Amino acid sequence: MNIEFDPNAFDQKGRLRIEKAGIDITIFKRNGKFFAANSKCPHKGGPMFLAKNVGEMGIMCPSHHIIFNVESGEVMENPIPKTMGDYALCNSLKTYKIDSNDGKYYVIVD
């Protein structure tokens, strides 16, 4: 399934949340490129649609300040101490590919 989005509909921080067919995705605009990811943090479900841009490719979950690579979804930095055991564990953020065709932009959802 492809979900079309408007490349001009982003907020001032370069974010666009799309909820469609039970899927909740946030698209991030960084340096003229688009990146799509799950709108909920894999750690504890924090609101990635409110993520803050960090550095060149990072997005930080506002709940626990875990930083993910906006392109790959990999955890770049996890400030939760390992002494907190399982609470400190965090999987990668689910990301989606972006495609464009004839001036239209799509998130590719498998």
C-alpha atoms as a PDB file:
ATOM      1  CA  MET A   1       0.000   0.000   0.000  1.00  0.00           C
ATOM      2  CA  ASN A   2       1.185   3.518  -0.800  1.00  0.00           C
ATOM      3  CA  ILE A   3       0.056   6.520   1.226  1.00  0.00           C
ATOM      4  CA  GLU A   4       0.237   9.832  -0.619  1.00  0.00           C
ATOM      5  CA  PHE A   5       1.298  12.975   1.229  1.00  0.00           C
ATOM      6  CA  ASP A   6       1.525  16.673   0.454  1.00  0.00           C
ATOM      7  CA  PRO A   7       5.180  17.830   0.505  1.00  0.00           C
ATOM      8  CA  ASN A   8       3.990  21.327   1.492  1.00  0.00           C
ATOM      9  CA  ALA A   9       1.911  20.301   4.526  1.00  0.00           C
ATOM     10  CA  PHE A  10       4.700  20.057   7.126  1.00  0.00           C
ATOM     11  CA  ASP A  11       4.715  21.970  10.409  1.00  0.00           C
ATOM     12  CA  GLN A  12       7.477  24.503  11.205  1.00  0.00           C
ATOM     13  CA  LYS A  13       9.639  21.723  12.645  1.00  0.00           C
ATOM     14  CA  GLY A  14       9.473  19.613   9.472  1.00  0.00           C
ATOM     15  CA  ARG A  15       6.982  16.985  10.662  1.00  0.00           C
ATOM     16  CA  LEU A  16       3.801  15.607   9.113  1.00  0.00           C
ATOM     17  CA  ARG A  17       1.653  12.970  10.844  1.00  0.00           C
ATOM     18  CA  ILE A  18      -0.539  10.700   8.754  1.00  0.00           C
ATOM     19  CA  GLU A  19      -3.097   8.300  10.190  1.00  0.00           C
ATOM     20  CA  LYS A  20      -4.711   6.087   7.559  1.00  0.00           C
ATOM     21  CA  ALA A  21      -6.102   2.548   7.466  1.00  0.00           C
ATOM     22  CA  GLY A  22      -4.924   1.848  11.026  1.00  0.00           C
ATOM     23  CA  ILE A  23      -1.385   3.026  10.273  1.00  0.00           C
ATOM     24  CA  ASP A  24       0.161   5.946  12.179  1.00  0.00           C
ATOM     25  CA  ILE A  25       3.219   7.378  10.421  1.00  0.00           C
ATOM     26  CA  THR A  26       5.200  10.585  10.820  1.00  0.00           C
ATOM     27  CA  ILE A  27       7.132  11.994   7.890  1.00  0.00           C
ATOM     28  CA  PHE A  28      10.164  14.118   8.681  1.00  0.00           C
ATOM     29  CA  LYS A  29      11.598  16.676   6.254  1.00  0.00           C
ATOM     30  CA  ARG A  30      15.342  17.063   6.702  1.00  0.00           C
ATOM     31  CA  ASN A  31      17.544  19.082   4.338  1.00  0.00           C
ATOM     32  CA  GLY A  32      14.998  18.775   1.518  1.00  0.00           C
ATOM     33  CA  LYS A  33      14.634  14.993   1.903  1.00  0.00           C
ATOM     34  CA  PHE A  34      11.697  13.044   3.332  1.00  0.00           C
ATOM     35  CA  PHE A  35      11.921  10.216   5.875  1.00  0.00           C
ATOM     36  CA  ALA A  36       9.006   8.229   7.308  1.00  0.00           C
ATOM     37  CA  ALA A  37       8.746   6.362  10.614  1.00  0.00           C
ATOM     38  CA  ASN A  38       6.228   4.936  13.036  1.00  0.00           C
ATOM     39  CA  SER A  39       4.571   7.697  15.080  1.00  0.00           C
ATOM     40  CA  LYS A  40       5.077   5.752  18.325  1.00  0.00           C
ATOM     41  CA  CYS A  41       8.437   5.186  19.942  1.00  0.00           C
ATOM     42  CA  PRO A  42       9.378   1.484  20.218  1.00  0.00           C
ATOM     43  CA  HIS A  43      10.576   2.049  23.788  1.00  0.00           C
ATOM     44  CA  LYS A  44       7.330   2.918  25.588  1.00  0.00           C
ATOM     45  CA  GLY A  45       5.057   4.303  22.855  1.00  0.00           C
ATOM     46  CA  GLY A  46       6.139   7.939  23.150  1.00  0.00           C
ATOM     47  CA  PRO A  47       4.886  10.454  20.550  1.00  0.00           C
ATOM     48  CA  MET A  48       7.454  10.403  17.744  1.00  0.00           C
ATOM     49  CA  PHE A  49       5.196  12.823  15.864  1.00  0.00           C
ATOM     50  CA  LEU A  50       6.549  15.397  18.335  1.00  0.00           C
ATOM     51  CA  ALA A  51      10.181  14.307  17.896  1.00  0.00           C
ATOM     52  CA  LYS A  52      12.879  16.947  17.934  1.00  0.00           C
ATOM     53  CA  ASN A  53      15.575  17.095  15.239  1.00  0.00           C
ATOM     54  CA  VAL A  54      19.011  16.355  16.660  1.00  0.00           C
ATOM     55  CA  GLY A  55      22.181  16.800  14.646  1.00  0.00           C
ATOM     56  CA  GLU A  56      22.403  15.783  11.005  1.00  0.00           C
ATOM     57  CA  MET A  57      20.196  12.663  11.044  1.00  0.00           C
ATOM     58  CA  GLY A  58      18.793  12.251  14.558  1.00  0.00           C
ATOM     59  CA  ILE A  59      15.252  12.519  15.907  1.00  0.00           C
ATOM     60  CA  MET A  60      14.673  12.460  19.652  1.00  0.00           C
ATOM     61  CA  CYS A  61      11.613  10.991  21.329  1.00  0.00           C
ATOM     62  CA  PRO A  62      10.233  13.625  23.707  1.00  0.00           C
ATOM     63  CA  SER A  63       9.310  11.042  26.355  1.00  0.00           C
ATOM     64  CA  HIS A  64      12.675   9.518  27.310  1.00  0.00           C
ATOM     65  CA  HIS A  65      15.081  11.387  24.987  1.00  0.00           C
ATOM     66  CA  ILE A  66      16.176   8.328  23.015  1.00  0.00           C
ATOM     67  CA  ILE A  67      17.682   9.442  19.704  1.00  0.00           C
ATOM     68  CA  PHE A  68      17.033   7.457  16.526  1.00  0.00           C
ATOM     69  CA  ASN A  69      18.544   7.731  13.061  1.00  0.00           C
ATOM     70  CA  VAL A  70      15.712   9.206  10.961  1.00  0.00           C
ATOM     71  CA  GLU A  71      16.689   7.125   7.919  1.00  0.00           C
ATOM     72  CA  SER A  72      17.460   3.696   9.376  1.00  0.00           C
ATOM     73  CA  GLY A  73      15.549   3.837  12.674  1.00  0.00           C
ATOM     74  CA  GLU A  74      18.584   2.588  14.573  1.00  0.00           C
ATOM     75  CA  VAL A  75      19.112   3.815  18.131  1.00  0.00           C
ATOM     76  CA  MET A  76      21.887   6.425  18.053  1.00  0.00           C
ATOM     77  CA  GLU A  77      21.805   7.323  21.729  1.00  0.00           C
ATOM     78  CA  ASN A  78      19.902   5.953  24.703  1.00  0.00           C
ATOM     79  CA  PRO A  79      20.328   8.042  27.861  1.00  0.00           C
ATOM     80  CA  ILE A  80      18.487   5.550  30.084  1.00  0.00           C
ATOM     81  CA  PRO A  81      21.056   3.917  32.412  1.00  0.00           C
ATOM     82  CA  LYS A  82      21.655   0.202  31.802  1.00  0.00           C
ATOM     83  CA  THR A  83      21.289  -0.235  35.570  1.00  0.00           C
ATOM     84  CA  MET A  84      17.546   0.180  34.986  1.00  0.00           C
ATOM     85  CA  GLY A  85      17.520  -3.294  33.410  1.00  0.00           C
ATOM     86  CA  ASP A  86      14.761  -4.071  30.914  1.00  0.00           C
ATOM     87  CA  TYR A  87      13.409  -0.515  31.173  1.00  0.00           C
ATOM     88  CA  ALA A  88      16.526   0.709  29.344  1.00  0.00           C
ATOM     89  CA  LEU A  89      16.062  -1.655  26.387  1.00  0.00           C
ATOM     90  CA  CYS A  90      14.890  -0.123  23.119  1.00  0.00           C
ATOM     91  CA  ASN A  91      14.436  -1.616  19.655  1.00  0.00           C
ATOM     92  CA  SER A  92      14.918   0.285  16.414  1.00  0.00           C
ATOM     93  CA  LEU A  93      12.202   2.640  15.216  1.00  0.00           C
ATOM     94  CA  LYS A  94      10.181   1.227  12.295  1.00  0.00           C
ATOM     95  CA  THR A  95      10.927   3.240   9.156  1.00  0.00           C
ATOM     96  CA  TYR A  96       9.300   3.315   5.721  1.00  0.00           C
ATOM     97  CA  LYS A  97      10.560   4.087   2.235  1.00  0.00           C
ATOM     98  CA  ILE A  98       9.472   7.221   0.383  1.00  0.00           C
ATOM     99  CA  ASP A  99       8.786   7.258  -3.344  1.00  0.00           C
ATOM    100  CA  SER A 100       7.859  10.016  -5.763  1.00  0.00           C
ATOM    101  CA  ASN A 101       6.247   9.872  -9.170  1.00  0.00           C
ATOM    102  CA  ASP A 102       5.018  12.717 -11.390  1.00  0.00           C
ATOM    103  CA  GLY A 103       5.389  15.254  -8.577  1.00  0.00           C
ATOM    104  CA  LYS A 104       3.434  13.130  -6.071  1.00  0.00           C
ATOM    105  CA  TYR A 105       5.014  11.702  -2.930  1.00  0.00           C
ATOM    106  CA  TYR A 106       4.197   8.394  -1.232  1.00  0.00           C
ATOM    107  CA  VAL A 107       5.089   6.422   1.868  1.00  0.00           C
ATOM    108  CA  ILE A 108       5.473   2.757   0.925  1.00  0.00           C
ATOM    109  CA  VAL A 109       3.844   0.573   3.556  1.00  0.00           C
ATOM    110  CA  ASP A 110       4.500  -3.170   3.297  1.00  0.00           C
END
